[in-house]
Amino acid sequence: MTARGNLNSEFVSWTSVRNTALDQAKAYCAAQGKQARPVDTSTDGMMRITSDHVTVVFDCE
């Protein structure tokens, strides 16, 4: 799952963007009757210059 935060319009923390991606992963797995298990997280972007991207790699168990 990838979540994006546009820091050009308002302040959005890395943690907030990461939590959004984790919530999306949890919802995806819950729809399959499973639970999300995060495997890896990576970030990309420059604060206040570009949109920040947080990618969460996960398994549904």
PDB file of N, CA and C in Angstrom:
ATOM      1  N   MET A   1       0.844  -1.164   0.000  1.00  0.00           N
ATOM      2  CA  MET A   1       0.000   0.000   0.000  1.00  0.00           C
ATOM      3  C   MET A   1       0.890   1.228   0.000  1.00  0.00           C
ATOM      4  N   THR A   2       0.473   2.235  -0.668  1.00  0.00           N
ATOM      5  CA  THR A   2       1.195   3.501  -0.671  1.00  0.00           C
ATOM      6  C   THR A   2       0.234   4.607  -0.268  1.00  0.00           C
ATOM      7  N   ALA A   3       0.653   5.463   0.634  1.00  0.00           N
ATOM      8  CA  ALA A   3      -0.133   6.631   1.018  1.00  0.00           C
ATOM      9  C   ALA A   3       0.680   7.862   0.676  1.00  0.00           C
ATOM     10  N   ARG A   4      -0.010   8.948   0.348  1.00  0.00           N
ATOM     11  CA  ARG A   4       0.678  10.184  -0.018  1.00  0.00           C
ATOM     12  C   ARG A   4       0.147  11.335   0.813  1.00  0.00           C
ATOM     13  N   GLY A   5       1.032  12.232   1.174  1.00  0.00           N
ATOM     14  CA  GLY A   5       0.645  13.448   1.873  1.00  0.00           C
ATOM     15  C   GLY A   5       1.180  14.636   1.121  1.00  0.00           C
ATOM     16  N   ASN A   6       0.325  15.597   0.839  1.00  0.00           N
ATOM     17  CA  ASN A   6       0.754  16.784   0.119  1.00  0.00           C
ATOM     18  C   ASN A   6       1.109  17.865   1.132  1.00  0.00           C
ATOM     19  N   LEU A   7       2.391  18.070   1.362  1.00  0.00           N
ATOM     20  CA  LEU A   7       2.830  19.039   2.346  1.00  0.00           C
ATOM     21  C   LEU A   7       2.786  20.467   1.810  1.00  0.00           C
ATOM     22  N   ASN A   8       2.436  20.641   0.540  1.00  0.00           N
ATOM     23  CA  ASN A   8       2.364  21.989  -0.006  1.00  0.00           C
ATOM     24  C   ASN A   8       1.128  22.726   0.487  1.00  0.00           C
ATOM     25  N   SER A   9       0.053  21.997   0.844  1.00  0.00           N
ATOM     26  CA  SER A   9      -1.176  22.653   1.244  1.00  0.00           C
ATOM     27  C   SER A   9      -1.313  22.758   2.759  1.00  0.00           C
ATOM     28  N   GLU A  10      -0.823  21.781   3.492  1.00  0.00           N
ATOM     29  CA  GLU A  10      -0.879  21.814   4.948  1.00  0.00           C
ATOM     30  C   GLU A  10       0.144  20.824   5.487  1.00  0.00           C
ATOM     31  N   PHE A  11       0.490  20.946   6.758  1.00  0.00           N
ATOM     32  CA  PHE A  11       1.481  20.057   7.335  1.00  0.00           C
ATOM     33  C   PHE A  11       0.879  18.683   7.575  1.00  0.00           C
ATOM     34  N   VAL A  12       1.523  17.691   7.050  1.00  0.00           N
ATOM     35  CA  VAL A  12       1.159  16.301   7.272  1.00  0.00           C
ATOM     36  C   VAL A  12       2.440  15.584   7.661  1.00  0.00           C
ATOM     37  N   SER A  13       2.458  14.965   8.824  1.00  0.00           N
ATOM     38  CA  SER A  13       3.680  14.324   9.301  1.00  0.00           C
ATOM     39  C   SER A  13       3.911  12.988   8.605  1.00  0.00           C
ATOM     40  N   TRP A  14       5.166  12.547   8.606  1.00  0.00           N
ATOM     41  CA  TRP A  14       5.504  11.231   8.062  1.00  0.00           C
ATOM     42  C   TRP A  14       4.697  10.156   8.786  1.00  0.00           C
ATOM     43  N   THR A  15       4.558  10.324  10.092  1.00  0.00           N
ATOM     44  CA  THR A  15       3.830   9.335  10.895  1.00  0.00           C
ATOM     45  C   THR A  15       2.377   9.249  10.459  1.00  0.00           C
ATOM     46  N   SER A  16       1.770  10.382  10.176  1.00  0.00           N
ATOM     47  CA  SER A  16       0.379  10.395   9.730  1.00  0.00           C
ATOM     48  C   SER A  16       0.223   9.685   8.393  1.00  0.00           C
ATOM     49  N   VAL A  17       1.130   9.947   7.466  1.00  0.00           N
ATOM     50  CA  VAL A  17       1.070   9.300   6.153  1.00  0.00           C
ATOM     51  C   VAL A  17       1.310   7.799   6.310  1.00  0.00           C
ATOM     52  N   ARG A  18       2.270   7.420   7.152  1.00  0.00           N
ATOM     53  CA  ARG A  18       2.555   6.002   7.404  1.00  0.00           C
ATOM     54  C   ARG A  18       1.339   5.309   8.018  1.00  0.00           C
ATOM     55  N   ASN A  19       0.700   5.963   8.978  1.00  0.00           N
ATOM     56  CA  ASN A  19      -0.476   5.378   9.616  1.00  0.00           C
ATOM     57  C   ASN A  19      -1.619   5.195   8.628  1.00  0.00           C
ATOM     58  N   THR A  20      -1.757   6.113   7.679  1.00  0.00           N
ATOM     59  CA  THR A  20      -2.775   5.969   6.642  1.00  0.00           C
ATOM     60  C   THR A  20      -2.516   4.724   5.806  1.00  0.00           C
ATOM     61  N   ALA A  21      -1.254   4.511   5.428  1.00  0.00           N
ATOM     62  CA  ALA A  21      -0.902   3.317   4.648  1.00  0.00           C
ATOM     63  C   ALA A  21      -1.158   2.047   5.459  1.00  0.00           C
ATOM     64  N   LEU A  22      -0.808   2.061   6.744  1.00  0.00           N
ATOM     65  CA  LEU A  22      -1.052   0.898   7.597  1.00  0.00           C
ATOM     66  C   LEU A  22      -2.550   0.633   7.744  1.00  0.00           C
ATOM     67  N   ASP A  23      -3.348   1.690   7.882  1.00  0.00           N
ATOM     68  CA  ASP A  23      -4.804   1.525   7.977  1.00  0.00           C
ATOM     69  C   ASP A  23      -5.366   0.910   6.695  1.00  0.00           C
ATOM     70  N   GLN A  24      -4.831   1.324   5.540  1.00  0.00           N
ATOM     71  CA  GLN A  24      -5.276   0.755   4.265  1.00  0.00           C
ATOM     72  C   GLN A  24      -4.915  -0.723   4.186  1.00  0.00           C
ATOM     73  N   ALA A  25      -3.729  -1.081   4.659  1.00  0.00           N
ATOM     74  CA  ALA A  25      -3.311  -2.483   4.658  1.00  0.00           C
ATOM     75  C   ALA A  25      -4.211  -3.306   5.572  1.00  0.00           C
ATOM     76  N   LYS A  26      -4.516  -2.775   6.756  1.00  0.00           N
ATOM     77  CA  LYS A  26      -5.396  -3.474   7.696  1.00  0.00           C
ATOM     78  C   LYS A  26      -6.779  -3.691   7.094  1.00  0.00           C
ATOM     79  N   ALA A  27      -7.317  -2.678   6.435  1.00  0.00           N
ATOM     80  CA  ALA A  27      -8.634  -2.789   5.818  1.00  0.00           C
ATOM     81  C   ALA A  27      -8.632  -3.813   4.692  1.00  0.00           C
ATOM     82  N   TYR A  28      -7.577  -3.822   3.893  1.00  0.00           N
ATOM     83  CA  TYR A  28      -7.449  -4.779   2.792  1.00  0.00           C
ATOM     84  C   TYR A  28      -7.472  -6.209   3.323  1.00  0.00           C
ATOM     85  N   CYS A  29      -6.691  -6.467   4.367  1.00  0.00           N
ATOM     86  CA  CYS A  29      -6.625  -7.813   4.938  1.00  0.00           C
ATOM     87  C   CYS A  29      -7.924  -8.173   5.656  1.00  0.00           C
ATOM     88  N   ALA A  30      -8.521  -7.218   6.362  1.00  0.00           N
ATOM     89  CA  ALA A  30      -9.767  -7.470   7.081  1.00  0.00           C
ATOM     90  C   ALA A  30     -10.877  -7.879   6.125  1.00  0.00           C
ATOM     91  N   ALA A  31     -10.865  -7.309   4.920  1.00  0.00           N
ATOM     92  CA  ALA A  31     -11.872  -7.670   3.914  1.00  0.00           C
ATOM     93  C   ALA A  31     -11.742  -9.136   3.496  1.00  0.00           C
ATOM     94  N   GLN A  32     -10.582  -9.722   3.748  1.00  0.00           N
ATOM     95  CA  GLN A  32     -10.339 -11.132   3.430  1.00  0.00           C
ATOM     96  C   GLN A  32     -10.429 -12.007   4.687  1.00  0.00           C
ATOM     97  N   GLY A  33     -10.845 -11.395   5.803  1.00  0.00           N
ATOM     98  CA  GLY A  33     -10.943 -12.129   7.055  1.00  0.00           C
ATOM     99  C   GLY A  33      -9.594 -12.438   7.673  1.00  0.00           C
ATOM    100  N   LYS A  34      -8.596 -11.618   7.370  1.00  0.00           N
ATOM    101  CA  LYS A  34      -7.235 -11.845   7.866  1.00  0.00           C
ATOM    102  C   LYS A  34      -6.726 -10.592   8.564  1.00  0.00           C
ATOM    103  N   GLN A  35      -5.532 -10.689   9.129  1.00  0.00           N
ATOM    104  CA  GLN A  35      -4.885  -9.548   9.770  1.00  0.00           C
ATOM    105  C   GLN A  35      -3.621  -9.176   9.006  1.00  0.00           C
ATOM    106  N   ALA A  36      -3.331  -7.880   8.965  1.00  0.00           N
ATOM    107  CA  ALA A  36      -2.131  -7.394   8.285  1.00  0.00           C
ATOM    108  C   ALA A  36      -0.913  -7.555   9.184  1.00  0.00           C
ATOM    109  N   ARG A  37       0.189  -7.981   8.579  1.00  0.00           N
ATOM    110  CA  ARG A  37       1.474  -8.061   9.276  1.00  0.00           C
ATOM    111  C   ARG A  37       2.474  -7.251   8.458  1.00  0.00           C
ATOM    112  N   PRO A  38       2.838  -6.046   8.947  1.00  0.00           N
ATOM    113  CA  PRO A  38       3.808  -5.230   8.217  1.00  0.00           C
ATOM    114  C   PRO A  38       5.157  -5.943   8.087  1.00  0.00           C
ATOM    115  N   VAL A  39       5.747  -5.888   6.885  1.00  0.00           N
ATOM    116  CA  VAL A  39       7.034  -6.513   6.616  1.00  0.00           C
ATOM    117  C   VAL A  39       8.117  -5.451   6.468  1.00  0.00           C
ATOM    118  N   ASP A  40       7.790  -4.339   5.801  1.00  0.00           N
ATOM    119  CA  ASP A  40       8.775  -3.293   5.544  1.00  0.00           C
ATOM    120  C   ASP A  40       8.048  -1.974   5.307  1.00  0.00           C
ATOM    121  N   THR A  41       8.713  -0.876   5.595  1.00  0.00           N
ATOM    122  CA  THR A  41       8.176   0.459   5.347  1.00  0.00           C
ATOM    123  C   THR A  41       9.287   1.308   4.745  1.00  0.00           C
ATOM    124  N   SER A  42       8.960   2.058   3.698  1.00  0.00           N
ATOM    125  CA  SER A  42       9.946   2.974   3.125  1.00  0.00           C
ATOM    126  C   SER A  42       9.275   4.321   2.876  1.00  0.00           C
ATOM    127  N   THR A  43      10.075   5.382   2.867  1.00  0.00           N
ATOM    128  CA  THR A  43       9.570   6.726   2.634  1.00  0.00           C
ATOM    129  C   THR A  43      10.312   7.357   1.469  1.00  0.00           C
ATOM    130  N   ASP A  44       9.644   8.300   0.820  1.00  0.00           N
ATOM    131  CA  ASP A  44      10.241   9.022  -0.300  1.00  0.00           C
ATOM    132  C   ASP A  44       9.587  10.390  -0.354  1.00  0.00           C
ATOM    133  N   GLY A  45      10.326  11.397  -0.746  1.00  0.00           N
ATOM    134  CA  GLY A  45       9.787  12.741  -0.874  1.00  0.00           C
ATOM    135  C   GLY A  45      10.601  13.719  -0.063  1.00  0.00           C
ATOM    136  N   MET A  46      10.403  14.986  -0.334  1.00  0.00           N
ATOM    137  CA  MET A  46      11.123  16.031   0.378  1.00  0.00           C
ATOM    138  C   MET A  46      10.099  16.928   1.068  1.00  0.00           C
ATOM    139  N   MET A  47      10.193  17.007   2.366  1.00  0.00           N
ATOM    140  CA  MET A  47       9.247  17.757   3.168  1.00  0.00           C
ATOM    141  C   MET A  47       9.079  19.185   2.658  1.00  0.00           C
ATOM    142  N   ARG A  48       7.830  19.557   2.438  1.00  0.00           N
ATOM    143  CA  ARG A  48       7.416  20.881   1.965  1.00  0.00           C
ATOM    144  C   ARG A  48       7.821  21.195   0.521  1.00  0.00           C
ATOM    145  N   ILE A  49       8.461  20.263  -0.172  1.00  0.00           N
ATOM    146  CA  ILE A  49       8.855  20.512  -1.557  1.00  0.00           C
ATOM    147  C   ILE A  49       8.069  19.615  -2.499  1.00  0.00           C
ATOM    148  N   THR A  50       7.957  18.329  -2.173  1.00  0.00           N
ATOM    149  CA  THR A  50       7.217  17.381  -3.004  1.00  0.00           C
ATOM    150  C   THR A  50       6.236  16.609  -2.139  1.00  0.00           C
ATOM    151  N   SER A  51       5.353  15.861  -2.771  1.00  0.00           N
ATOM    152  CA  SER A  51       4.467  14.981  -2.020  1.00  0.00           C
ATOM    153  C   SER A  51       5.303  13.873  -1.399  1.00  0.00           C
ATOM    154  N   ASP A  52       4.972  13.541  -0.170  1.00  0.00           N
ATOM    155  CA  ASP A  52       5.678  12.469   0.519  1.00  0.00           C
ATOM    156  C   ASP A  52       4.972  11.153   0.251  1.00  0.00           C
ATOM    157  N   HIS A  53       5.747  10.112   0.058  1.00  0.00           N
ATOM    158  CA  HIS A  53       5.212   8.786  -0.195  1.00  0.00           C
ATOM    159  C   HIS A  53       5.720   7.846   0.883  1.00  0.00           C
ATOM    160  N   VAL A  54       4.830   7.082   1.441  1.00  0.00           N
ATOM    161  CA  VAL A  54       5.200   6.039   2.381  1.00  0.00           C
ATOM    162  C   VAL A  54       4.656   4.735   1.821  1.00  0.00           C
ATOM    163  N   THR A  55       5.532   3.780   1.614  1.00  0.00           N
ATOM    164  CA  THR A  55       5.123   2.473   1.105  1.00  0.00           C
ATOM    165  C   THR A  55       5.239   1.458   2.224  1.00  0.00           C
ATOM    166  N   VAL A  56       4.156   0.729   2.455  1.00  0.00           N
ATOM    167  CA  VAL A  56       4.142  -0.314   3.478  1.00  0.00           C
ATOM    168  C   VAL A  56       3.994  -1.654   2.765  1.00  0.00           C
ATOM    169  N   VAL A  57       4.959  -2.537   2.963  1.00  0.00           N
ATOM    170  CA  VAL A  57       4.894  -3.905   2.439  1.00  0.00           C
ATOM    171  C   VAL A  57       4.340  -4.764   3.575  1.00  0.00           C
ATOM    172  N   PHE A  58       3.340  -5.579   3.280  1.00  0.00           N
ATOM    173  CA  PHE A  58       2.701  -6.359   4.324  1.00  0.00           C
ATOM    174  C   PHE A  58       2.233  -7.705   3.801  1.00  0.00           C
ATOM    175  N   ASP A  59       1.953  -8.609   4.747  1.00  0.00           N
ATOM    176  CA  ASP A  59       1.335  -9.903   4.470  1.00  0.00           C
ATOM    177  C   ASP A  59      -0.010  -9.930   5.155  1.00  0.00           C
ATOM    178  N   CYS A  60      -0.956 -10.666   4.593  1.00  0.00           N
ATOM    179  CA  CYS A  60      -2.222 -10.929   5.257  1.00  0.00           C
ATOM    180  C   CYS A  60      -2.141 -12.342   5.818  1.00  0.00           C
ATOM    181  N   GLU A  61      -2.373 -12.464   7.115  1.00  0.00           N
ATOM    182  CA  GLU A  61      -2.297 -13.782   7.737  1.00  0.00           C
ATOM    183  C   GLU A  61      -3.637 -14.166   8.311  1.00  0.00           C
TER     184      GLU A  61
END
